[in-house]
Amino acid sequence: MAFKPLHDRVLVRRVESDEKTKGGLIIPDSAKEKPAEGEVIACGDGARKDSGELIEMAVKAGDRVLFGKWSGTEVTVDGEELLIMKESDILGVIA
């Protein structure tokens, strides 16, 4: 199934966090926090001004982004858990 977000929404795949600390301790799943970093899978066309003019998206598919801890809505697409969020929920692009 192909999925394309509408307007200023973005489809993001979370990037898995490390399972070990820098000191070598293994972090159990119950103690892990969900990562606030991900990869943009798909983007909508952008928001519209009141005049109808299109505001282009600042992110594109393939960008690595940081987002707020409680941002987005979890969805399952083709058996994979992804997030849909507004572009304004994205804090920045990782270069």
N, C-alpha and C. Protein backbone atom coordinates (compact mmCIF):
# COMPACT_ATOMS: atom_id res chain seq x y z
N MET A 1 0.84 -1.18 0.00
CA MET A 1 0.00 0.00 0.00
C MET A 1 0.88 1.24 0.00
N ALA A 2 0.65 2.13 -0.92
CA ALA A 2 1.38 3.39 -0.96
C ALA A 2 0.62 4.40 -0.11
N PHE A 3 1.33 5.22 0.64
CA PHE A 3 0.70 6.20 1.52
C PHE A 3 1.34 7.55 1.28
N LYS A 4 0.53 8.57 1.03
CA LYS A 4 1.03 9.93 0.85
C LYS A 4 0.28 10.83 1.82
N PRO A 5 1.00 11.48 2.73
CA PRO A 5 0.36 12.41 3.66
C PRO A 5 -0.22 13.61 2.91
N LEU A 6 -1.23 14.21 3.51
CA LEU A 6 -1.85 15.39 2.91
C LEU A 6 -1.35 16.67 3.56
N HIS A 7 -1.42 17.75 2.81
CA HIS A 7 -1.12 19.11 3.28
C HIS A 7 0.27 19.21 3.90
N ASP A 8 0.37 19.64 5.16
CA ASP A 8 1.69 19.83 5.78
C ASP A 8 2.05 18.70 6.74
N ARG A 9 1.58 17.51 6.43
CA ARG A 9 1.88 16.36 7.29
C ARG A 9 3.06 15.56 6.72
N VAL A 10 3.75 14.86 7.64
CA VAL A 10 4.96 14.12 7.30
C VAL A 10 4.87 12.71 7.88
N LEU A 11 5.29 11.72 7.13
CA LEU A 11 5.35 10.33 7.59
C LEU A 11 6.79 10.04 7.99
N VAL A 12 7.00 9.61 9.25
CA VAL A 12 8.35 9.45 9.80
C VAL A 12 8.53 8.04 10.36
N ARG A 13 9.70 7.45 10.10
CA ARG A 13 10.09 6.17 10.71
C ARG A 13 11.08 6.48 11.82
N ARG A 14 10.78 6.01 13.03
CA ARG A 14 11.70 6.23 14.15
C ARG A 14 13.02 5.51 13.90
N VAL A 15 14.11 6.15 14.33
CA VAL A 15 15.44 5.53 14.26
C VAL A 15 15.65 4.82 15.59
N GLU A 16 16.02 3.56 15.54
CA GLU A 16 16.21 2.78 16.76
C GLU A 16 17.39 3.30 17.56
N SER A 17 17.22 3.35 18.88
CA SER A 17 18.29 3.81 19.76
C SER A 17 19.24 2.66 20.10
N ASP A 18 20.40 3.03 20.62
CA ASP A 18 21.40 2.03 20.99
C ASP A 18 20.87 1.15 22.13
N GLU A 19 21.30 -0.11 22.12
CA GLU A 19 20.89 -1.03 23.18
C GLU A 19 21.90 -1.10 24.30
N LYS A 20 23.03 -0.41 24.15
CA LYS A 20 24.06 -0.38 25.18
C LYS A 20 24.42 1.05 25.50
N THR A 21 24.83 1.28 26.74
CA THR A 21 25.33 2.60 27.13
C THR A 21 26.78 2.71 26.68
N LYS A 22 27.35 3.90 26.81
CA LYS A 22 28.76 4.08 26.45
C LYS A 22 29.66 3.22 27.33
N GLY A 23 29.21 2.94 28.55
CA GLY A 23 29.98 2.11 29.47
C GLY A 23 29.83 0.62 29.22
N GLY A 24 28.94 0.23 28.30
CA GLY A 24 28.78 -1.17 27.95
C GLY A 24 27.61 -1.87 28.61
N LEU A 25 26.81 -1.15 29.39
CA LEU A 25 25.64 -1.75 30.03
C LEU A 25 24.52 -1.92 29.00
N ILE A 26 23.85 -3.05 29.05
CA ILE A 26 22.74 -3.31 28.15
C ILE A 26 21.47 -2.72 28.74
N ILE A 27 20.74 -1.97 27.93
CA ILE A 27 19.50 -1.32 28.38
C ILE A 27 18.33 -2.24 28.03
N PRO A 28 17.55 -2.67 29.02
CA PRO A 28 16.39 -3.52 28.72
C PRO A 28 15.29 -2.72 28.01
N ASP A 29 14.42 -3.39 27.25
CA ASP A 29 13.36 -2.72 26.51
C ASP A 29 12.44 -1.91 27.42
N SER A 30 12.21 -2.39 28.63
CA SER A 30 11.30 -1.69 29.54
C SER A 30 11.86 -0.35 30.01
N ALA A 31 13.18 -0.17 29.94
CA ALA A 31 13.81 1.07 30.40
C ALA A 31 14.12 2.04 29.26
N LYS A 32 13.94 1.59 28.03
CA LYS A 32 14.25 2.44 26.88
C LYS A 32 13.16 3.48 26.68
N GLU A 33 13.58 4.67 26.27
CA GLU A 33 12.64 5.70 25.87
C GLU A 33 12.51 5.63 24.35
N LYS A 34 11.34 5.99 23.86
CA LYS A 34 11.16 6.03 22.42
C LYS A 34 12.06 7.12 21.86
N PRO A 35 12.78 6.84 20.79
CA PRO A 35 13.66 7.87 20.23
C PRO A 35 12.88 9.02 19.63
N ALA A 36 13.45 10.20 19.73
CA ALA A 36 12.82 11.40 19.17
C ALA A 36 13.55 11.80 17.90
N GLU A 37 14.09 10.81 17.22
CA GLU A 37 14.82 11.02 15.97
C GLU A 37 14.24 10.05 14.95
N GLY A 38 14.14 10.50 13.72
CA GLY A 38 13.58 9.63 12.70
C GLY A 38 13.97 10.03 11.30
N GLU A 39 13.51 9.22 10.35
CA GLU A 39 13.77 9.48 8.94
C GLU A 39 12.43 9.77 8.26
N VAL A 40 12.40 10.83 7.48
CA VAL A 40 11.19 11.19 6.75
C VAL A 40 10.99 10.20 5.61
N ILE A 41 9.82 9.58 5.58
CA ILE A 41 9.49 8.60 4.54
C ILE A 41 8.73 9.27 3.40
N ALA A 42 7.76 10.13 3.75
CA ALA A 42 6.95 10.82 2.73
C ALA A 42 6.45 12.14 3.30
N CYS A 43 6.19 13.09 2.41
CA CYS A 43 5.70 14.42 2.79
C CYS A 43 4.49 14.79 1.96
N GLY A 44 3.63 15.62 2.53
CA GLY A 44 2.52 16.20 1.77
C GLY A 44 3.04 17.31 0.89
N ASP A 45 2.14 17.98 0.21
CA ASP A 45 2.53 19.05 -0.71
C ASP A 45 2.85 20.35 0.01
N GLY A 46 2.31 20.54 1.20
CA GLY A 46 2.55 21.76 1.96
C GLY A 46 1.25 22.41 2.38
N ALA A 47 1.34 23.37 3.27
CA ALA A 47 0.17 24.08 3.77
C ALA A 47 -0.22 25.17 2.77
N ARG A 48 -1.38 25.73 2.97
CA ARG A 48 -1.85 26.83 2.11
C ARG A 48 -2.14 28.05 2.96
N LYS A 49 -1.76 29.20 2.42
CA LYS A 49 -2.09 30.47 3.06
C LYS A 49 -3.58 30.75 2.86
N ASP A 50 -4.10 31.76 3.55
CA ASP A 50 -5.51 32.13 3.37
C ASP A 50 -5.80 32.54 1.92
N SER A 51 -4.79 33.06 1.24
CA SER A 51 -4.96 33.47 -0.16
C SER A 51 -4.96 32.27 -1.11
N GLY A 52 -4.63 31.07 -0.60
CA GLY A 52 -4.59 29.87 -1.44
C GLY A 52 -3.20 29.54 -1.95
N GLU A 53 -2.23 30.41 -1.68
CA GLU A 53 -0.85 30.18 -2.12
C GLU A 53 -0.23 29.03 -1.32
N LEU A 54 0.49 28.15 -2.01
CA LEU A 54 1.11 26.98 -1.39
C LEU A 54 2.40 27.36 -0.66
N ILE A 55 2.53 26.89 0.58
CA ILE A 55 3.77 27.06 1.35
C ILE A 55 4.50 25.72 1.26
N GLU A 56 5.64 25.69 0.58
CA GLU A 56 6.36 24.43 0.38
C GLU A 56 6.92 23.88 1.68
N MET A 57 7.11 22.56 1.70
CA MET A 57 7.65 21.88 2.87
C MET A 57 9.14 22.17 3.00
N ALA A 58 9.62 22.26 4.25
CA ALA A 58 11.04 22.48 4.51
C ALA A 58 11.81 21.17 4.59
N VAL A 59 11.10 20.04 4.71
CA VAL A 59 11.74 18.72 4.77
C VAL A 59 11.34 17.93 3.54
N LYS A 60 12.12 16.89 3.27
CA LYS A 60 11.82 16.02 2.12
C LYS A 60 12.11 14.58 2.52
N ALA A 61 11.65 13.65 1.74
CA ALA A 61 11.87 12.23 2.01
C ALA A 61 13.37 11.96 2.09
N GLY A 62 13.78 11.20 3.10
CA GLY A 62 15.19 10.87 3.29
C GLY A 62 15.87 11.71 4.35
N ASP A 63 15.29 12.85 4.75
CA ASP A 63 15.88 13.70 5.79
C ASP A 63 15.80 13.02 7.15
N ARG A 64 16.86 13.18 7.96
CA ARG A 64 16.84 12.73 9.36
C ARG A 64 16.42 13.94 10.20
N VAL A 65 15.41 13.74 11.04
CA VAL A 65 14.84 14.85 11.78
C VAL A 65 14.73 14.54 13.27
N LEU A 66 14.67 15.61 14.06
CA LEU A 66 14.38 15.52 15.49
C LEU A 66 12.98 16.06 15.70
N PHE A 67 12.22 15.40 16.58
CA PHE A 67 10.87 15.86 16.85
C PHE A 67 10.59 15.73 18.34
N GLY A 68 9.54 16.38 18.79
CA GLY A 68 9.18 16.37 20.21
C GLY A 68 8.83 14.98 20.69
N LYS A 69 9.01 14.76 21.98
CA LYS A 69 8.80 13.44 22.58
C LYS A 69 7.38 12.92 22.37
N TRP A 70 6.38 13.78 22.42
CA TRP A 70 4.98 13.36 22.30
C TRP A 70 4.39 13.75 20.96
N SER A 71 5.22 13.99 19.96
CA SER A 71 4.74 14.44 18.65
C SER A 71 4.17 13.28 17.84
N GLY A 72 3.21 13.61 17.01
CA GLY A 72 2.72 12.68 16.02
C GLY A 72 1.71 11.66 16.52
N THR A 73 1.17 10.94 15.56
CA THR A 73 0.21 9.87 15.79
C THR A 73 0.80 8.59 15.23
N GLU A 74 0.83 7.54 16.05
CA GLU A 74 1.39 6.26 15.59
C GLU A 74 0.39 5.56 14.68
N VAL A 75 0.88 5.10 13.52
CA VAL A 75 0.07 4.35 12.57
C VAL A 75 0.87 3.14 12.10
N THR A 76 0.18 2.14 11.58
CA THR A 76 0.85 0.98 11.00
C THR A 76 0.57 0.96 9.50
N VAL A 77 1.63 1.01 8.72
CA VAL A 77 1.53 0.98 7.26
C VAL A 77 2.37 -0.20 6.78
N ASP A 78 1.73 -1.13 6.08
CA ASP A 78 2.40 -2.34 5.59
C ASP A 78 3.11 -3.09 6.71
N GLY A 79 2.51 -3.15 7.89
CA GLY A 79 3.07 -3.88 9.02
C GLY A 79 4.20 -3.16 9.75
N GLU A 80 4.50 -1.95 9.37
CA GLU A 80 5.58 -1.18 9.99
C GLU A 80 4.97 -0.02 10.78
N GLU A 81 5.45 0.17 12.02
CA GLU A 81 4.95 1.26 12.85
C GLU A 81 5.65 2.56 12.48
N LEU A 82 4.85 3.55 12.09
CA LEU A 82 5.36 4.85 11.65
C LEU A 82 4.63 5.95 12.40
N LEU A 83 5.08 7.17 12.24
CA LEU A 83 4.44 8.34 12.84
C LEU A 83 3.97 9.29 11.75
N ILE A 84 2.78 9.86 11.94
CA ILE A 84 2.33 10.96 11.10
C ILE A 84 2.30 12.19 11.98
N MET A 85 2.95 13.26 11.52
CA MET A 85 2.98 14.49 12.31
C MET A 85 2.93 15.69 11.38
N LYS A 86 2.57 16.82 11.95
CA LYS A 86 2.61 18.06 11.19
C LYS A 86 4.06 18.51 11.08
N GLU A 87 4.36 19.23 10.02
CA GLU A 87 5.73 19.71 9.82
C GLU A 87 6.17 20.59 11.00
N SER A 88 5.24 21.30 11.60
CA SER A 88 5.57 22.19 12.73
C SER A 88 6.01 21.42 13.97
N ASP A 89 5.71 20.09 14.05
CA ASP A 89 6.16 19.26 15.18
C ASP A 89 7.64 18.90 15.06
N ILE A 90 8.21 19.08 13.88
CA ILE A 90 9.62 18.75 13.65
C ILE A 90 10.47 19.90 14.17
N LEU A 91 11.43 19.56 15.04
CA LEU A 91 12.27 20.58 15.66
C LEU A 91 13.44 20.98 14.78
N GLY A 92 13.96 20.06 13.97
CA GLY A 92 15.07 20.38 13.10
C GLY A 92 15.51 19.20 12.26
N VAL A 93 16.33 19.49 11.26
CA VAL A 93 16.88 18.47 10.36
C VAL A 93 18.32 18.23 10.76
N ILE A 94 18.71 16.96 10.86
CA ILE A 94 20.07 16.60 11.21
C ILE A 94 20.90 16.54 9.93
N ALA A 95 21.94 17.34 9.87
CA ALA A 95 22.77 17.41 8.66
C ALA A 95 23.75 16.26 8.59
